[in-house]
Amino acid sequence: MEELLVQFSGLVGYAALVTLVVTAAKTLNIVKDGQAQNWVAGLNLLGLAGLLGLKVFAPEADVAILDAQLGEFVNVMMVVFAYVVQMLGSKLSYIAIKNVPLIGKSFSG
């Protein structure tokens, strides 16, 4: 069990995935203020159970490779997430300044 915990603590890709999921859930208002630590703890427990299941049912699986792939997936999803947040922020900024003289001038009609 101790070896399993040591291996789980080194899974950087999974930790990044948990951070991404909780951050996205907070942005979508699924996770409320003050609940993030509970979600992180629950997802980490789920990941530990998944690692245990992987070790029992597929002991030949290379966890380091799976974790590296998770890390790459998170990198791509962070770019997508940042893009979506930027697009929403731009839309809100436009709404906020659309009637400001000079800045909010529309040339379309």
C-alpha atoms as a PDB file:
ATOM      1  CA  MET A   1       0.000   0.000   0.000  1.00  0.00           C
ATOM      2  CA  GLU A   2       2.847   2.386   0.784  1.00  0.00           C
ATOM      3  CA  GLU A   3       4.327   1.847  -2.687  1.00  0.00           C
ATOM      4  CA  LEU A   4       0.940   2.641  -4.211  1.00  0.00           C
ATOM      5  CA  LEU A   5       0.723   5.919  -2.271  1.00  0.00           C
ATOM      6  CA  VAL A   6       4.258   6.903  -3.298  1.00  0.00           C
ATOM      7  CA  GLN A   7       3.455   6.158  -6.937  1.00  0.00           C
ATOM      8  CA  PHE A   8       0.166   8.089  -6.738  1.00  0.00           C
ATOM      9  CA  SER A   9       1.859  11.134  -5.217  1.00  0.00           C
ATOM     10  CA  GLY A  10       4.164  11.306  -8.245  1.00  0.00           C
ATOM     11  CA  LEU A  11       1.366  11.446 -10.821  1.00  0.00           C
ATOM     12  CA  VAL A  12       1.733  15.044 -11.967  1.00  0.00           C
ATOM     13  CA  GLY A  13      -0.567  14.603 -14.964  1.00  0.00           C
ATOM     14  CA  TYR A  14      -3.411  13.374 -12.779  1.00  0.00           C
ATOM     15  CA  ALA A  15      -2.903  16.233 -10.334  1.00  0.00           C
ATOM     16  CA  ALA A  16      -3.097  18.685 -13.239  1.00  0.00           C
ATOM     17  CA  LEU A  17      -6.278  16.979 -14.479  1.00  0.00           C
ATOM     18  CA  VAL A  18      -7.890  17.353 -11.050  1.00  0.00           C
ATOM     19  CA  THR A  19      -6.947  21.036 -11.023  1.00  0.00           C
ATOM     20  CA  LEU A  20      -8.391  21.523 -14.508  1.00  0.00           C
ATOM     21  CA  VAL A  21     -11.654  19.760 -13.656  1.00  0.00           C
ATOM     22  CA  VAL A  22     -12.171  21.691 -10.425  1.00  0.00           C
ATOM     23  CA  THR A  23     -11.266  25.025 -12.051  1.00  0.00           C
ATOM     24  CA  ALA A  24     -13.658  24.386 -14.940  1.00  0.00           C
ATOM     25  CA  ALA A  25     -16.382  23.320 -12.510  1.00  0.00           C
ATOM     26  CA  LYS A  26     -15.856  26.515 -10.484  1.00  0.00           C
ATOM     27  CA  THR A  27     -16.073  28.604 -13.661  1.00  0.00           C
ATOM     28  CA  LEU A  28     -19.316  26.849 -14.630  1.00  0.00           C
ATOM     29  CA  ASN A  29     -20.620  27.434 -11.083  1.00  0.00           C
ATOM     30  CA  ILE A  30     -20.868  23.695 -10.386  1.00  0.00           C
ATOM     31  CA  VAL A  31     -18.381  23.964  -7.529  1.00  0.00           C
ATOM     32  CA  LYS A  32     -19.340  26.711  -5.087  1.00  0.00           C
ATOM     33  CA  ASP A  33     -16.951  28.854  -3.038  1.00  0.00           C
ATOM     34  CA  GLY A  34     -15.388  26.848  -0.244  1.00  0.00           C
ATOM     35  CA  GLN A  35     -16.123  23.467  -1.868  1.00  0.00           C
ATOM     36  CA  ALA A  36     -13.016  23.130  -4.040  1.00  0.00           C
ATOM     37  CA  GLN A  37     -10.996  21.244  -1.425  1.00  0.00           C
ATOM     38  CA  ASN A  38     -13.790  18.680  -1.039  1.00  0.00           C
ATOM     39  CA  TRP A  39     -13.876  18.151  -4.794  1.00  0.00           C
ATOM     40  CA  VAL A  40     -10.086  17.841  -4.981  1.00  0.00           C
ATOM     41  CA  ALA A  41     -10.077  15.334  -2.119  1.00  0.00           C
ATOM     42  CA  GLY A  42     -12.862  13.309  -3.744  1.00  0.00           C
ATOM     43  CA  LEU A  43     -11.207  13.277  -7.161  1.00  0.00           C
ATOM     44  CA  ASN A  44      -7.869  12.300  -5.610  1.00  0.00           C
ATOM     45  CA  LEU A  45      -9.573   9.441  -3.756  1.00  0.00           C
ATOM     46  CA  LEU A  46     -11.164   8.375  -7.038  1.00  0.00           C
ATOM     47  CA  GLY A  47      -7.752   8.504  -8.726  1.00  0.00           C
ATOM     48  CA  LEU A  48      -6.164   6.440  -5.964  1.00  0.00           C
ATOM     49  CA  ALA A  49      -8.934   3.854  -6.312  1.00  0.00           C
ATOM     50  CA  GLY A  50      -8.402   3.863 -10.073  1.00  0.00           C
ATOM     51  CA  LEU A  51      -4.662   3.311  -9.640  1.00  0.00           C
ATOM     52  CA  LEU A  52      -5.343   0.448  -7.231  1.00  0.00           C
ATOM     53  CA  GLY A  53      -7.769  -1.080  -9.728  1.00  0.00           C
ATOM     54  CA  LEU A  54      -5.237  -0.668 -12.519  1.00  0.00           C
ATOM     55  CA  LYS A  55      -2.558  -2.410 -10.446  1.00  0.00           C
ATOM     56  CA  VAL A  56      -4.939  -5.289  -9.651  1.00  0.00           C
ATOM     57  CA  PHE A  57      -6.494  -5.812 -13.096  1.00  0.00           C
ATOM     58  CA  ALA A  58      -3.657  -4.660 -15.379  1.00  0.00           C
ATOM     59  CA  PRO A  59      -0.389  -4.878 -13.425  1.00  0.00           C
ATOM     60  CA  GLU A  60       1.644  -4.664 -16.630  1.00  0.00           C
ATOM     61  CA  ALA A  61       0.278  -1.196 -17.450  1.00  0.00           C
ATOM     62  CA  ASP A  62       2.883   1.559 -17.360  1.00  0.00           C
ATOM     63  CA  VAL A  63       1.364   4.207 -15.128  1.00  0.00           C
ATOM     64  CA  ALA A  64       4.082   6.757 -15.950  1.00  0.00           C
ATOM     65  CA  ILE A  65       3.142   6.688 -19.644  1.00  0.00           C
ATOM     66  CA  LEU A  66      -0.562   7.057 -18.823  1.00  0.00           C
ATOM     67  CA  ASP A  67       0.243   9.972 -16.520  1.00  0.00           C
ATOM     68  CA  ALA A  68       2.340  11.660 -19.215  1.00  0.00           C
ATOM     69  CA  GLN A  69      -0.553  11.318 -21.648  1.00  0.00           C
ATOM     70  CA  LEU A  70      -2.901  12.831 -19.066  1.00  0.00           C
ATOM     71  CA  GLY A  71      -0.461  15.715 -18.679  1.00  0.00           C
ATOM     72  CA  GLU A  72      -0.472  16.378 -22.427  1.00  0.00           C
ATOM     73  CA  PHE A  73      -4.264  16.194 -22.527  1.00  0.00           C
ATOM     74  CA  VAL A  74      -4.444  18.746 -19.704  1.00  0.00           C
ATOM     75  CA  ASN A  75      -2.053  21.056 -21.566  1.00  0.00           C
ATOM     76  CA  VAL A  76      -4.338  21.043 -24.602  1.00  0.00           C
ATOM     77  CA  MET A  77      -7.469  21.465 -22.502  1.00  0.00           C
ATOM     78  CA  MET A  78      -5.934  24.413 -20.633  1.00  0.00           C
ATOM     79  CA  VAL A  79      -5.431  26.190 -23.966  1.00  0.00           C
ATOM     80  CA  VAL A  80      -9.051  25.455 -24.928  1.00  0.00           C
ATOM     81  CA  PHE A  81     -10.278  26.576 -21.501  1.00  0.00           C
ATOM     82  CA  ALA A  82      -8.252  29.802 -21.669  1.00  0.00           C
ATOM     83  CA  TYR A  83      -9.620  30.487 -25.165  1.00  0.00           C
ATOM     84  CA  VAL A  84     -13.230  30.033 -24.037  1.00  0.00           C
ATOM     85  CA  VAL A  85     -12.707  32.249 -20.993  1.00  0.00           C
ATOM     86  CA  GLN A  86     -11.048  34.886 -23.187  1.00  0.00           C
ATOM     87  CA  MET A  87     -13.940  34.828 -25.650  1.00  0.00           C
ATOM     88  CA  LEU A  88     -16.499  35.197 -22.862  1.00  0.00           C
ATOM     89  CA  GLY A  89     -14.439  37.977 -21.290  1.00  0.00           C
ATOM     90  CA  SER A  90     -14.255  39.815 -24.596  1.00  0.00           C
ATOM     91  CA  LYS A  91     -18.008  39.580 -25.010  1.00  0.00           C
ATOM     92  CA  LEU A  92     -18.603  40.945 -21.502  1.00  0.00           C
ATOM     93  CA  SER A  93     -16.103  43.748 -22.112  1.00  0.00           C
ATOM     94  CA  TYR A  94     -17.911  44.694 -25.313  1.00  0.00           C
ATOM     95  CA  ILE A  95     -21.244  44.822 -23.489  1.00  0.00           C
ATOM     96  CA  ALA A  96     -19.695  47.015 -20.782  1.00  0.00           C
ATOM     97  CA  ILE A  97     -18.233  49.611 -23.184  1.00  0.00           C
ATOM     98  CA  LYS A  98     -20.565  49.519 -26.193  1.00  0.00           C
ATOM     99  CA  ASN A  99     -22.256  52.848 -25.353  1.00  0.00           C
ATOM    100  CA  VAL A 100     -19.149  54.727 -24.189  1.00  0.00           C
ATOM    101  CA  PRO A 101     -18.469  57.683 -26.517  1.00  0.00           C
ATOM    102  CA  LEU A 102     -15.515  57.177 -28.881  1.00  0.00           C
ATOM    103  CA  ILE A 103     -14.632  53.737 -27.482  1.00  0.00           C
ATOM    104  CA  GLY A 104     -18.108  52.290 -28.034  1.00  0.00           C
ATOM    105  CA  LYS A 105     -18.673  53.841 -31.485  1.00  0.00           C
ATOM    106  CA  SER A 106     -20.174  51.497 -34.047  1.00  0.00           C
ATOM    107  CA  PHE A 107     -19.441  52.129 -37.714  1.00  0.00           C
ATOM    108  CA  SER A 108     -21.939  49.551 -38.953  1.00  0.00           C
ATOM    109  CA  GLY A 109     -24.959  51.771 -38.904  1.00  0.00           C
END
